[in-house]
Each structure stands twice: as structure tokens, then as C-alpha cells.
Amino acid sequence: MVKHIILWKLKNEYNTDEVKLGIKTGLEGLMGVIPGLLEIKVETETLDSSNADVMLYSVFENEAALKGYAVHPEHVKVADTLVRPFTETRACFDYEIK
């Protein structure tokens, strides 16, 4: 299995509950749509110590499933309409569970 974790910092003018909810709803709505996606969760409630605004935690069957997710039309649509326009920075950490 492969874990895929993303941290986003939102652009200041878009750091709103509405934008965060859109990201959460859009990405979590991909469950059951993307082959090999086993789990997906978006966290938007942060503590004051956080330096990111939104976190994506997802689990895939394998690296090939993660690569398929990256280019899947439904994921691309969510990313292009609900995520990328509102984010300032993105950090990614992918790893295999052994």
C-alpha cells in the first residue's frame, strides 16, 4: 500500500470555511470513483501551531494506483476547480507501507 499526504497553504484571500469545505467535499467525494483508492480524508480544522491550512491523507493499493489517481479525469477536475485556484503552496509526502 502507498500513503499520499498533501499539505496546502491557502492564499490569504481564500482562507475561508467555504473554500476549505469545497476542497474537503470534492476530494473525499472521489472515494469509490478512483480505482485503487482505499481511503481518503481531508482535515481543515487546525491548531494554532499549524503552518498549513488543509491536509489530504489518502491510501492507495499501490504506486500504480497513485499514479492513476494523479491523472484521473475526476481528480483533475476537483484539483483544477476546487484546490489549485485557492492554494499558495503545496507539500507532498508519498511512501510505501511495508
N, C-alpha and C. Protein backbone atom coordinates (compact mmCIF):
# COMPACT_ATOMS: atom_id res chain seq x y z
N MET A 1 0.84 -1.18 0.00
CA MET A 1 0.00 0.00 0.00
C MET A 1 0.88 1.24 0.00
N VAL A 2 0.30 2.33 -0.48
CA VAL A 2 1.01 3.60 -0.56
C VAL A 2 0.17 4.68 0.12
N LYS A 3 0.82 5.47 0.96
CA LYS A 3 0.16 6.63 1.58
C LYS A 3 0.59 7.88 0.83
N HIS A 4 -0.37 8.77 0.64
CA HIS A 4 -0.17 10.02 -0.10
C HIS A 4 -0.71 11.15 0.79
N ILE A 5 0.19 12.00 1.24
CA ILE A 5 -0.19 13.08 2.15
C ILE A 5 0.19 14.41 1.51
N ILE A 6 -0.77 15.32 1.50
CA ILE A 6 -0.57 16.65 0.94
C ILE A 6 -0.91 17.69 2.00
N LEU A 7 -0.10 18.72 2.08
CA LEU A 7 -0.39 19.89 2.93
C LEU A 7 -0.46 21.11 2.02
N TRP A 8 -1.53 21.89 2.17
CA TRP A 8 -1.68 23.12 1.40
C TRP A 8 -1.75 24.32 2.32
N LYS A 9 -1.16 25.39 1.87
CA LYS A 9 -1.35 26.72 2.46
C LYS A 9 -2.25 27.45 1.48
N LEU A 10 -3.37 27.97 1.96
CA LEU A 10 -4.29 28.70 1.09
C LEU A 10 -3.83 30.14 0.91
N LYS A 11 -4.18 30.71 -0.23
CA LYS A 11 -3.96 32.14 -0.43
C LYS A 11 -4.79 32.87 0.61
N ASN A 12 -4.24 33.94 1.18
CA ASN A 12 -4.90 34.63 2.29
C ASN A 12 -6.36 34.97 2.00
N GLU A 13 -6.63 35.46 0.79
CA GLU A 13 -7.99 35.89 0.46
C GLU A 13 -8.97 34.73 0.32
N TYR A 14 -8.45 33.49 0.26
CA TYR A 14 -9.30 32.31 0.11
C TYR A 14 -9.28 31.40 1.34
N ASN A 15 -8.67 31.85 2.41
CA ASN A 15 -8.62 31.03 3.62
C ASN A 15 -9.94 31.17 4.37
N THR A 16 -10.98 30.55 3.81
CA THR A 16 -12.33 30.63 4.37
C THR A 16 -12.88 29.23 4.59
N ASP A 17 -13.88 29.13 5.47
CA ASP A 17 -14.53 27.85 5.71
C ASP A 17 -15.17 27.32 4.43
N GLU A 18 -15.71 28.20 3.60
CA GLU A 18 -16.36 27.79 2.36
C GLU A 18 -15.37 27.12 1.40
N VAL A 19 -14.20 27.72 1.23
CA VAL A 19 -13.18 27.14 0.36
C VAL A 19 -12.70 25.81 0.93
N LYS A 20 -12.45 25.76 2.22
CA LYS A 20 -12.00 24.52 2.85
C LYS A 20 -13.03 23.41 2.69
N LEU A 21 -14.30 23.74 2.87
CA LEU A 21 -15.37 22.75 2.71
C LEU A 21 -15.44 22.24 1.27
N GLY A 22 -15.24 23.13 0.31
CA GLY A 22 -15.23 22.72 -1.09
C GLY A 22 -14.12 21.73 -1.38
N ILE A 23 -12.93 22.00 -0.85
CA ILE A 23 -11.80 21.09 -1.04
C ILE A 23 -12.10 19.74 -0.40
N LYS A 24 -12.58 19.77 0.84
CA LYS A 24 -12.89 18.54 1.57
C LYS A 24 -13.95 17.72 0.85
N THR A 25 -15.05 18.36 0.49
CA THR A 25 -16.15 17.66 -0.17
C THR A 25 -15.72 17.10 -1.52
N GLY A 26 -14.99 17.91 -2.29
CA GLY A 26 -14.56 17.48 -3.61
C GLY A 26 -13.62 16.29 -3.56
N LEU A 27 -12.61 16.37 -2.73
CA LEU A 27 -11.62 15.29 -2.66
C LEU A 27 -12.20 14.03 -2.01
N GLU A 28 -12.92 14.18 -0.92
CA GLU A 28 -13.50 13.00 -0.26
C GLU A 28 -14.56 12.35 -1.15
N GLY A 29 -15.15 13.12 -2.05
CA GLY A 29 -16.13 12.58 -2.99
C GLY A 29 -15.52 11.67 -4.04
N LEU A 30 -14.20 11.60 -4.11
CA LEU A 30 -13.54 10.72 -5.06
C LEU A 30 -13.50 9.26 -4.59
N MET A 31 -13.85 9.03 -3.32
CA MET A 31 -13.87 7.65 -2.81
C MET A 31 -14.90 6.86 -3.60
N GLY A 32 -14.50 5.71 -4.09
CA GLY A 32 -15.39 4.87 -4.88
C GLY A 32 -15.38 5.22 -6.36
N VAL A 33 -14.69 6.29 -6.72
CA VAL A 33 -14.61 6.75 -8.11
C VAL A 33 -13.26 6.40 -8.72
N ILE A 34 -12.21 6.50 -7.92
CA ILE A 34 -10.84 6.29 -8.39
C ILE A 34 -10.42 4.85 -8.11
N PRO A 35 -10.07 4.08 -9.13
CA PRO A 35 -9.61 2.71 -8.90
C PRO A 35 -8.37 2.68 -8.01
N GLY A 36 -8.37 1.79 -7.03
CA GLY A 36 -7.22 1.61 -6.16
C GLY A 36 -7.14 2.58 -5.00
N LEU A 37 -8.08 3.53 -4.91
CA LEU A 37 -8.12 4.46 -3.77
C LEU A 37 -8.84 3.75 -2.62
N LEU A 38 -8.12 3.48 -1.55
CA LEU A 38 -8.67 2.73 -0.42
C LEU A 38 -9.22 3.62 0.69
N GLU A 39 -8.65 4.81 0.85
CA GLU A 39 -9.06 5.71 1.93
C GLU A 39 -8.69 7.13 1.54
N ILE A 40 -9.56 8.08 1.89
CA ILE A 40 -9.25 9.49 1.63
C ILE A 40 -9.93 10.33 2.70
N LYS A 41 -9.17 11.24 3.26
CA LYS A 41 -9.66 12.10 4.34
C LYS A 41 -9.01 13.47 4.19
N VAL A 42 -9.80 14.51 4.34
CA VAL A 42 -9.28 15.88 4.29
C VAL A 42 -9.56 16.53 5.64
N GLU A 43 -8.53 17.08 6.24
CA GLU A 43 -8.64 17.79 7.52
C GLU A 43 -8.51 19.28 7.28
N THR A 44 -9.43 20.05 7.86
CA THR A 44 -9.41 21.50 7.69
C THR A 44 -9.39 22.25 9.01
N GLU A 45 -9.57 21.54 10.10
CA GLU A 45 -9.56 22.17 11.42
C GLU A 45 -8.16 22.07 12.00
N THR A 46 -7.48 23.20 12.12
CA THR A 46 -6.09 23.20 12.57
C THR A 46 -5.95 23.81 13.95
N LEU A 47 -4.88 23.45 14.61
CA LEU A 47 -4.48 24.12 15.84
C LEU A 47 -3.66 25.35 15.46
N ASP A 48 -3.52 26.28 16.39
CA ASP A 48 -2.75 27.49 16.12
C ASP A 48 -1.29 27.21 15.77
N SER A 49 -0.78 26.05 16.16
CA SER A 49 0.62 25.71 15.89
C SER A 49 0.85 25.27 14.45
N SER A 50 -0.22 25.07 13.68
CA SER A 50 -0.09 24.59 12.29
C SER A 50 0.40 25.70 11.37
N ASN A 51 1.16 25.31 10.35
CA ASN A 51 1.55 26.28 9.33
C ASN A 51 1.01 25.87 7.95
N ALA A 52 0.05 24.97 7.94
CA ALA A 52 -0.70 24.59 6.74
C ALA A 52 -2.18 24.75 7.06
N ASP A 53 -2.99 24.92 6.03
CA ASP A 53 -4.42 25.15 6.23
C ASP A 53 -5.29 23.93 5.96
N VAL A 54 -4.83 23.06 5.07
CA VAL A 54 -5.61 21.89 4.67
C VAL A 54 -4.65 20.71 4.50
N MET A 55 -5.10 19.52 4.95
CA MET A 55 -4.30 18.31 4.80
C MET A 55 -5.13 17.24 4.12
N LEU A 56 -4.52 16.58 3.14
CA LEU A 56 -5.11 15.41 2.49
C LEU A 56 -4.34 14.18 2.95
N TYR A 57 -5.06 13.18 3.43
CA TYR A 57 -4.48 11.90 3.80
C TYR A 57 -5.18 10.85 2.95
N SER A 58 -4.43 10.10 2.16
CA SER A 58 -5.05 9.08 1.33
C SER A 58 -4.17 7.84 1.27
N VAL A 59 -4.84 6.71 1.00
CA VAL A 59 -4.16 5.42 0.92
C VAL A 59 -4.57 4.75 -0.38
N PHE A 60 -3.57 4.21 -1.09
CA PHE A 60 -3.79 3.55 -2.37
C PHE A 60 -3.28 2.12 -2.31
N GLU A 61 -3.83 1.28 -3.17
CA GLU A 61 -3.41 -0.13 -3.23
C GLU A 61 -1.92 -0.26 -3.51
N ASN A 62 -1.42 0.60 -4.41
CA ASN A 62 -0.02 0.52 -4.81
C ASN A 62 0.37 1.81 -5.52
N GLU A 63 1.62 1.90 -5.94
CA GLU A 63 2.11 3.11 -6.59
C GLU A 63 1.41 3.35 -7.93
N ALA A 64 1.08 2.28 -8.64
CA ALA A 64 0.38 2.43 -9.92
C ALA A 64 -1.00 3.07 -9.71
N ALA A 65 -1.68 2.73 -8.62
CA ALA A 65 -2.99 3.34 -8.32
C ALA A 65 -2.83 4.82 -8.02
N LEU A 66 -1.77 5.18 -7.30
CA LEU A 66 -1.50 6.60 -7.01
C LEU A 66 -1.24 7.36 -8.31
N LYS A 67 -0.47 6.78 -9.21
CA LYS A 67 -0.20 7.43 -10.49
C LYS A 67 -1.48 7.58 -11.31
N GLY A 68 -2.36 6.59 -11.24
CA GLY A 68 -3.64 6.67 -11.94
C GLY A 68 -4.53 7.75 -11.38
N TYR A 69 -4.51 7.91 -10.06
CA TYR A 69 -5.27 8.96 -9.39
C TYR A 69 -4.84 10.34 -9.86
N ALA A 70 -3.53 10.52 -10.01
CA ALA A 70 -2.99 11.83 -10.39
C ALA A 70 -3.55 12.31 -11.72
N VAL A 71 -3.84 11.40 -12.63
CA VAL A 71 -4.31 11.80 -13.96
C VAL A 71 -5.78 11.46 -14.22
N HIS A 72 -6.44 10.87 -13.25
CA HIS A 72 -7.85 10.51 -13.42
C HIS A 72 -8.68 11.77 -13.66
N PRO A 73 -9.55 11.79 -14.67
CA PRO A 73 -10.31 13.00 -15.01
C PRO A 73 -11.12 13.58 -13.85
N GLU A 74 -11.68 12.75 -12.99
CA GLU A 74 -12.46 13.28 -11.86
C GLU A 74 -11.56 13.96 -10.83
N HIS A 75 -10.38 13.39 -10.59
CA HIS A 75 -9.43 14.03 -9.68
C HIS A 75 -8.92 15.34 -10.28
N VAL A 76 -8.58 15.32 -11.55
CA VAL A 76 -8.08 16.53 -12.22
C VAL A 76 -9.14 17.63 -12.16
N LYS A 77 -10.41 17.28 -12.35
CA LYS A 77 -11.49 18.27 -12.29
C LYS A 77 -11.58 18.90 -10.89
N VAL A 78 -11.52 18.09 -9.85
CA VAL A 78 -11.56 18.62 -8.48
C VAL A 78 -10.33 19.49 -8.22
N ALA A 79 -9.17 19.01 -8.60
CA ALA A 79 -7.94 19.76 -8.36
C ALA A 79 -7.95 21.10 -9.10
N ASP A 80 -8.41 21.09 -10.34
CA ASP A 80 -8.40 22.32 -11.15
C ASP A 80 -9.47 23.33 -10.75
N THR A 81 -10.56 22.88 -10.14
CA THR A 81 -11.65 23.80 -9.81
C THR A 81 -11.76 24.13 -8.33
N LEU A 82 -11.39 23.18 -7.46
CA LEU A 82 -11.62 23.37 -6.03
C LEU A 82 -10.35 23.51 -5.20
N VAL A 83 -9.20 23.15 -5.78
CA VAL A 83 -7.96 23.18 -5.00
C VAL A 83 -6.97 24.19 -5.55
N ARG A 84 -6.44 23.96 -6.73
CA ARG A 84 -5.34 24.78 -7.26
C ARG A 84 -5.62 26.28 -7.31
N PRO A 85 -6.82 26.71 -7.66
CA PRO A 85 -7.05 28.16 -7.73
C PRO A 85 -6.91 28.88 -6.37
N PHE A 86 -7.02 28.12 -5.28
CA PHE A 86 -7.07 28.73 -3.96
C PHE A 86 -5.81 28.52 -3.12
N THR A 87 -4.87 27.72 -3.64
CA THR A 87 -3.71 27.38 -2.83
C THR A 87 -2.47 28.17 -3.23
N GLU A 88 -1.70 28.49 -2.22
CA GLU A 88 -0.45 29.23 -2.40
C GLU A 88 0.73 28.27 -2.49
N THR A 89 0.76 27.28 -1.59
CA THR A 89 1.85 26.30 -1.59
C THR A 89 1.27 24.91 -1.37
N ARG A 90 2.08 23.92 -1.81
CA ARG A 90 1.70 22.51 -1.68
C ARG A 90 2.94 21.73 -1.31
N ALA A 91 2.81 20.86 -0.32
CA ALA A 91 3.87 19.92 0.03
C ALA A 91 3.30 18.51 -0.05
N CYS A 92 4.08 17.60 -0.59
CA CYS A 92 3.63 16.23 -0.80
C CYS A 92 4.61 15.27 -0.13
N PHE A 93 4.06 14.22 0.47
CA PHE A 93 4.89 13.14 1.05
C PHE A 93 4.21 11.83 0.71
N ASP A 94 4.82 11.02 -0.15
CA ASP A 94 4.31 9.71 -0.53
C ASP A 94 5.26 8.66 0.00
N TYR A 95 4.70 7.55 0.52
CA TYR A 95 5.56 6.47 0.98
C TYR A 95 4.82 5.15 0.93
N GLU A 96 5.62 4.10 0.81
CA GLU A 96 5.08 2.75 0.76
C GLU A 96 5.00 2.17 2.16
N ILE A 97 3.88 1.53 2.46
CA ILE A 97 3.73 0.85 3.75
C ILE A 97 4.29 -0.54 3.58
N LYS A 98 5.27 -0.86 4.41
CA LYS A 98 5.92 -2.18 4.30
C LYS A 98 5.51 -3.07 5.44
